[in-house]
Amino acid sequence: MAKKEIELEYPWKYGSRWPYNGMVNDLWRGVQGEQNYLVALGLFAYSEALGRMILGTIGKNGGGPKAYREFTERYIGYSFSATEWPIIFDKYRNGFAHEFYIKVPESAVYNDDGSAPCGITISRSHYELRIYTYFLHFAQGLERALDAGALP
């Protein structure tokens, strides 16, 4: 199978603002190189870190699920039920950070075309992570948070 060429759909407008340019550029290079699990880990870790920056909880123990949800729901725009958020944090974020996979038997991580409405899918029997879609939504959410003055 030939490697799929992916082009960023828009120029990231905060291209030189540290540390955010590092986040987007590192993730983008991973997307281009189809390093799906490494990008997945980065997306979840950076989403949590940005939530901590917004909430002012950097360096404090606990609060990871709340911080992840703060950024992901408010600025990326992903909407899940109150019972789904803890599942996403545990199965996806903790799975990639501590066990290198989504912690469910039927799961898929793949580099898609970026057209899905959400990069994360959960159901009773199947979990999916669409890397390029989540990356695009992450970068757009980061722009929204910076535009809103929510980040330093």
C-alpha atoms as a PDB file:
ATOM      1  CA  MET A   1       0.000   0.000   0.000  1.00  0.00           C
ATOM      2  CA  ALA A   2       1.425   3.373  -1.005  1.00  0.00           C
ATOM      3  CA  LYS A   3       1.954   5.941   1.721  1.00  0.00           C
ATOM      4  CA  LYS A   4      -0.879   8.444   1.804  1.00  0.00           C
ATOM      5  CA  GLU A   5       0.169  12.068   1.343  1.00  0.00           C
ATOM      6  CA  ILE A   6      -1.485  14.407   3.826  1.00  0.00           C
ATOM      7  CA  GLU A   7      -1.454  18.166   3.577  1.00  0.00           C
ATOM      8  CA  LEU A   8      -2.356  20.483   6.410  1.00  0.00           C
ATOM      9  CA  GLU A   9      -5.672  22.100   5.533  1.00  0.00           C
ATOM     10  CA  TYR A  10      -4.698  25.503   6.878  1.00  0.00           C
ATOM     11  CA  PRO A  11      -1.545  27.281   8.023  1.00  0.00           C
ATOM     12  CA  TRP A  12      -1.333  27.271  11.807  1.00  0.00           C
ATOM     13  CA  LYS A  13      -1.519  30.948  12.737  1.00  0.00           C
ATOM     14  CA  TYR A  14       0.530  30.711  15.936  1.00  0.00           C
ATOM     15  CA  GLY A  15       3.520  29.209  14.156  1.00  0.00           C
ATOM     16  CA  SER A  16       6.255  30.742  16.333  1.00  0.00           C
ATOM     17  CA  ARG A  17       4.580  30.840  19.748  1.00  0.00           C
ATOM     18  CA  TRP A  18       6.302  28.497  22.195  1.00  0.00           C
ATOM     19  CA  PRO A  19       5.387  25.934  23.566  1.00  0.00           C
ATOM     20  CA  TYR A  20       2.344  25.640  21.333  1.00  0.00           C
ATOM     21  CA  ASN A  21       4.283  25.621  18.071  1.00  0.00           C
ATOM     22  CA  GLY A  22       6.282  22.665  19.390  1.00  0.00           C
ATOM     23  CA  MET A  23       3.114  20.743  20.179  1.00  0.00           C
ATOM     24  CA  VAL A  24       1.571  21.282  16.758  1.00  0.00           C
ATOM     25  CA  ASN A  25       4.805  20.809  14.812  1.00  0.00           C
ATOM     26  CA  ASP A  26       5.771  17.612  16.649  1.00  0.00           C
ATOM     27  CA  LEU A  27       2.305  16.141  16.198  1.00  0.00           C
ATOM     28  CA  TRP A  28       2.234  17.180  12.542  1.00  0.00           C
ATOM     29  CA  ARG A  29       5.563  15.448  11.854  1.00  0.00           C
ATOM     30  CA  GLY A  30       4.184  12.330  13.522  1.00  0.00           C
ATOM     31  CA  VAL A  31       1.033  12.461  11.399  1.00  0.00           C
ATOM     32  CA  GLN A  32       3.133  12.796   8.247  1.00  0.00           C
ATOM     33  CA  GLY A  33       5.298   9.855   9.305  1.00  0.00           C
ATOM     34  CA  GLU A  34       2.230   7.770  10.208  1.00  0.00           C
ATOM     35  CA  GLN A  35       3.506   7.358  13.775  1.00  0.00           C
ATOM     36  CA  ASN A  36      -0.032   6.788  14.972  1.00  0.00           C
ATOM     37  CA  TYR A  37       0.599   5.589  18.527  1.00  0.00           C
ATOM     38  CA  LEU A  38       3.165   8.290  19.245  1.00  0.00           C
ATOM     39  CA  VAL A  39       0.794  10.961  17.913  1.00  0.00           C
ATOM     40  CA  ALA A  40      -2.072   9.457  19.930  1.00  0.00           C
ATOM     41  CA  LEU A  41      -0.030   9.688  23.125  1.00  0.00           C
ATOM     42  CA  GLY A  42       0.908  13.289  22.297  1.00  0.00           C
ATOM     43  CA  LEU A  43      -2.674  14.313  21.551  1.00  0.00           C
ATOM     44  CA  PHE A  44      -3.959  12.988  24.864  1.00  0.00           C
ATOM     45  CA  ALA A  45      -0.997  14.259  26.911  1.00  0.00           C
ATOM     46  CA  TYR A  46      -1.042  17.720  25.318  1.00  0.00           C
ATOM     47  CA  SER A  47      -4.830  17.994  25.672  1.00  0.00           C
ATOM     48  CA  GLU A  48      -4.503  17.249  29.375  1.00  0.00           C
ATOM     49  CA  ALA A  49      -1.552  19.660  29.771  1.00  0.00           C
ATOM     50  CA  LEU A  50      -3.443  22.466  28.025  1.00  0.00           C
ATOM     51  CA  GLY A  51      -6.445  21.833  30.265  1.00  0.00           C
ATOM     52  CA  ARG A  52      -4.143  22.099  33.284  1.00  0.00           C
ATOM     53  CA  MET A  53      -2.767  25.405  31.957  1.00  0.00           C
ATOM     54  CA  ILE A  54      -6.304  26.709  31.506  1.00  0.00           C
ATOM     55  CA  LEU A  55      -7.387  25.558  34.978  1.00  0.00           C
ATOM     56  CA  GLY A  56      -4.151  26.664  36.652  1.00  0.00           C
ATOM     57  CA  THR A  57      -3.373  23.173  37.926  1.00  0.00           C
ATOM     58  CA  ILE A  58       0.040  22.554  36.307  1.00  0.00           C
ATOM     59  CA  GLY A  59       2.271  20.777  38.817  1.00  0.00           C
ATOM     60  CA  LYS A  60      -0.593  19.678  41.066  1.00  0.00           C
ATOM     61  CA  ASN A  61      -1.440  16.030  41.660  1.00  0.00           C
ATOM     62  CA  GLY A  62      -4.767  14.672  40.470  1.00  0.00           C
ATOM     63  CA  GLY A  63      -7.268  16.391  38.261  1.00  0.00           C
ATOM     64  CA  GLY A  64      -6.082  14.861  34.993  1.00  0.00           C
ATOM     65  CA  PRO A  65      -9.533  13.793  33.775  1.00  0.00           C
ATOM     66  CA  LYS A  66     -10.994  17.218  34.579  1.00  0.00           C
ATOM     67  CA  ALA A  67      -8.127  19.000  32.816  1.00  0.00           C
ATOM     68  CA  TYR A  68      -8.391  16.759  29.745  1.00  0.00           C
ATOM     69  CA  ARG A  69     -12.127  17.364  29.541  1.00  0.00           C
ATOM     70  CA  GLU A  70     -11.720  21.148  30.016  1.00  0.00           C
ATOM     71  CA  PHE A  71      -9.618  21.553  26.896  1.00  0.00           C
ATOM     72  CA  THR A  72     -11.198  18.812  24.815  1.00  0.00           C
ATOM     73  CA  GLU A  73     -14.818  19.765  25.427  1.00  0.00           C
ATOM     74  CA  ARG A  74     -14.511  23.548  25.582  1.00  0.00           C
ATOM     75  CA  TYR A  75     -11.963  24.217  22.841  1.00  0.00           C
ATOM     76  CA  ILE A  76     -11.880  21.156  20.595  1.00  0.00           C
ATOM     77  CA  GLY A  77     -15.650  20.859  20.875  1.00  0.00           C
ATOM     78  CA  TYR A  78     -15.941  17.131  21.515  1.00  0.00           C
ATOM     79  CA  SER A  79     -19.096  16.210  23.386  1.00  0.00           C
ATOM     80  CA  PHE A  80     -19.493  13.027  25.376  1.00  0.00           C
ATOM     81  CA  SER A  81     -21.801  12.022  28.220  1.00  0.00           C
ATOM     82  CA  ALA A  82     -20.726  12.334  31.863  1.00  0.00           C
ATOM     83  CA  THR A  83     -20.181   8.571  31.959  1.00  0.00           C
ATOM     84  CA  GLU A  84     -18.149   8.531  28.714  1.00  0.00           C
ATOM     85  CA  TRP A  85     -15.514  11.140  29.730  1.00  0.00           C
ATOM     86  CA  PRO A  86     -13.910   8.937  32.432  1.00  0.00           C
ATOM     87  CA  ILE A  87     -13.930   5.995  30.016  1.00  0.00           C
ATOM     88  CA  ILE A  88     -12.136   8.063  27.362  1.00  0.00           C
ATOM     89  CA  PHE A  89      -9.520   9.244  29.854  1.00  0.00           C
ATOM     90  CA  ASP A  90      -8.903   5.751  31.196  1.00  0.00           C
ATOM     91  CA  LYS A  91      -9.161   3.638  28.036  1.00  0.00           C
ATOM     92  CA  TYR A  92      -7.464   6.089  25.664  1.00  0.00           C
ATOM     93  CA  ARG A  93      -5.200   8.453  27.614  1.00  0.00           C
ATOM     94  CA  ASN A  94      -4.118   6.007  30.323  1.00  0.00           C
ATOM     95  CA  GLY A  95      -4.000   3.189  27.806  1.00  0.00           C
ATOM     96  CA  PHE A  96      -1.540   5.018  25.549  1.00  0.00           C
ATOM     97  CA  ALA A  97       0.462   6.532  28.424  1.00  0.00           C
ATOM     98  CA  HIS A  98       0.870   3.381  30.487  1.00  0.00           C
ATOM     99  CA  GLU A  99       0.147   0.365  28.288  1.00  0.00           C
ATOM    100  CA  PHE A 100       0.705   1.606  24.710  1.00  0.00           C
ATOM    101  CA  TYR A 101      -2.762   0.746  23.425  1.00  0.00           C
ATOM    102  CA  ILE A 102      -6.452   1.518  23.855  1.00  0.00           C
ATOM    103  CA  LYS A 103      -7.512  -0.609  26.813  1.00  0.00           C
ATOM    104  CA  VAL A 104     -10.359  -2.467  25.077  1.00  0.00           C
ATOM    105  CA  PRO A 105     -10.215  -5.653  22.981  1.00  0.00           C
ATOM    106  CA  GLU A 106     -11.862  -4.249  19.857  1.00  0.00           C
ATOM    107  CA  SER A 107     -10.076  -1.026  18.994  1.00  0.00           C
ATOM    108  CA  ALA A 108      -8.444   0.703  16.048  1.00  0.00           C
ATOM    109  CA  VAL A 109      -5.937   3.535  15.697  1.00  0.00           C
ATOM    110  CA  TYR A 110      -5.435   4.822  12.176  1.00  0.00           C
ATOM    111  CA  ASN A 111      -4.437   7.808  10.083  1.00  0.00           C
ATOM    112  CA  ASP A 112      -7.638   8.900   8.355  1.00  0.00           C
ATOM    113  CA  ASP A 113      -8.431  11.612   5.802  1.00  0.00           C
ATOM    114  CA  GLY A 114      -9.443  14.247   8.379  1.00  0.00           C
ATOM    115  CA  SER A 115     -13.095  14.439   7.383  1.00  0.00           C
ATOM    116  CA  ALA A 116     -14.725  12.736  10.382  1.00  0.00           C
ATOM    117  CA  PRO A 117     -16.765  14.902  12.769  1.00  0.00           C
ATOM    118  CA  CYS A 118     -14.859  13.517  15.764  1.00  0.00           C
ATOM    119  CA  GLY A 119     -11.473  11.846  16.178  1.00  0.00           C
ATOM    120  CA  ILE A 120     -12.675   9.617  19.025  1.00  0.00           C
ATOM    121  CA  THR A 121     -15.370   6.961  18.803  1.00  0.00           C
ATOM    122  CA  ILE A 122     -16.604   4.825  21.647  1.00  0.00           C
ATOM    123  CA  SER A 123     -19.355   2.256  21.654  1.00  0.00           C
ATOM    124  CA  ARG A 124     -20.133  -0.839  23.684  1.00  0.00           C
ATOM    125  CA  SER A 125     -18.086  -3.047  21.414  1.00  0.00           C
ATOM    126  CA  HIS A 126     -15.642  -0.848  19.502  1.00  0.00           C
ATOM    127  CA  TYR A 127     -13.296   2.091  20.103  1.00  0.00           C
ATOM    128  CA  GLU A 128     -11.594   4.068  17.330  1.00  0.00           C
ATOM    129  CA  LEU A 129      -9.066   6.876  17.223  1.00  0.00           C
ATOM    130  CA  ARG A 130      -8.748   8.780  13.961  1.00  0.00           C
ATOM    131  CA  ILE A 131      -5.319  10.391  14.169  1.00  0.00           C
ATOM    132  CA  TYR A 132      -5.520  13.071  11.461  1.00  0.00           C
ATOM    133  CA  THR A 133      -9.031  14.150  12.440  1.00  0.00           C
ATOM    134  CA  TYR A 134      -8.081  14.454  16.105  1.00  0.00           C
ATOM    135  CA  PHE A 135      -4.888  16.333  15.148  1.00  0.00           C
ATOM    136  CA  LEU A 136      -6.821  18.871  13.053  1.00  0.00           C
ATOM    137  CA  HIS A 137      -9.385  19.369  15.808  1.00  0.00           C
ATOM    138  CA  PHE A 138      -6.610  19.666  18.409  1.00  0.00           C
ATOM    139  CA  ALA A 139      -4.781  22.387  16.423  1.00  0.00           C
ATOM    140  CA  GLN A 140      -8.051  24.267  15.831  1.00  0.00           C
ATOM    141  CA  GLY A 141      -8.949  23.958  19.520  1.00  0.00           C
ATOM    142  CA  LEU A 142      -5.540  25.285  20.508  1.00  0.00           C
ATOM    143  CA  GLU A 143      -6.097  28.275  18.227  1.00  0.00           C
ATOM    144  CA  ARG A 144      -9.508  28.890  19.838  1.00  0.00           C
ATOM    145  CA  ALA A 145      -8.010  28.722  23.350  1.00  0.00           C
ATOM    146  CA  LEU A 146      -5.252  31.168  22.395  1.00  0.00           C
ATOM    147  CA  ASP A 147      -7.726  33.491  20.650  1.00  0.00           C
ATOM    148  CA  ALA A 148      -9.894  33.472  23.788  1.00  0.00           C
ATOM    149  CA  GLY A 149      -6.910  34.334  25.994  1.00  0.00           C
ATOM    150  CA  ALA A 150      -7.388  31.109  27.982  1.00  0.00           C
ATOM    151  CA  LEU A 151      -3.687  30.180  27.733  1.00  0.00           C
ATOM    152  CA  PRO A 152      -0.638  32.174  28.801  1.00  0.00           C
END
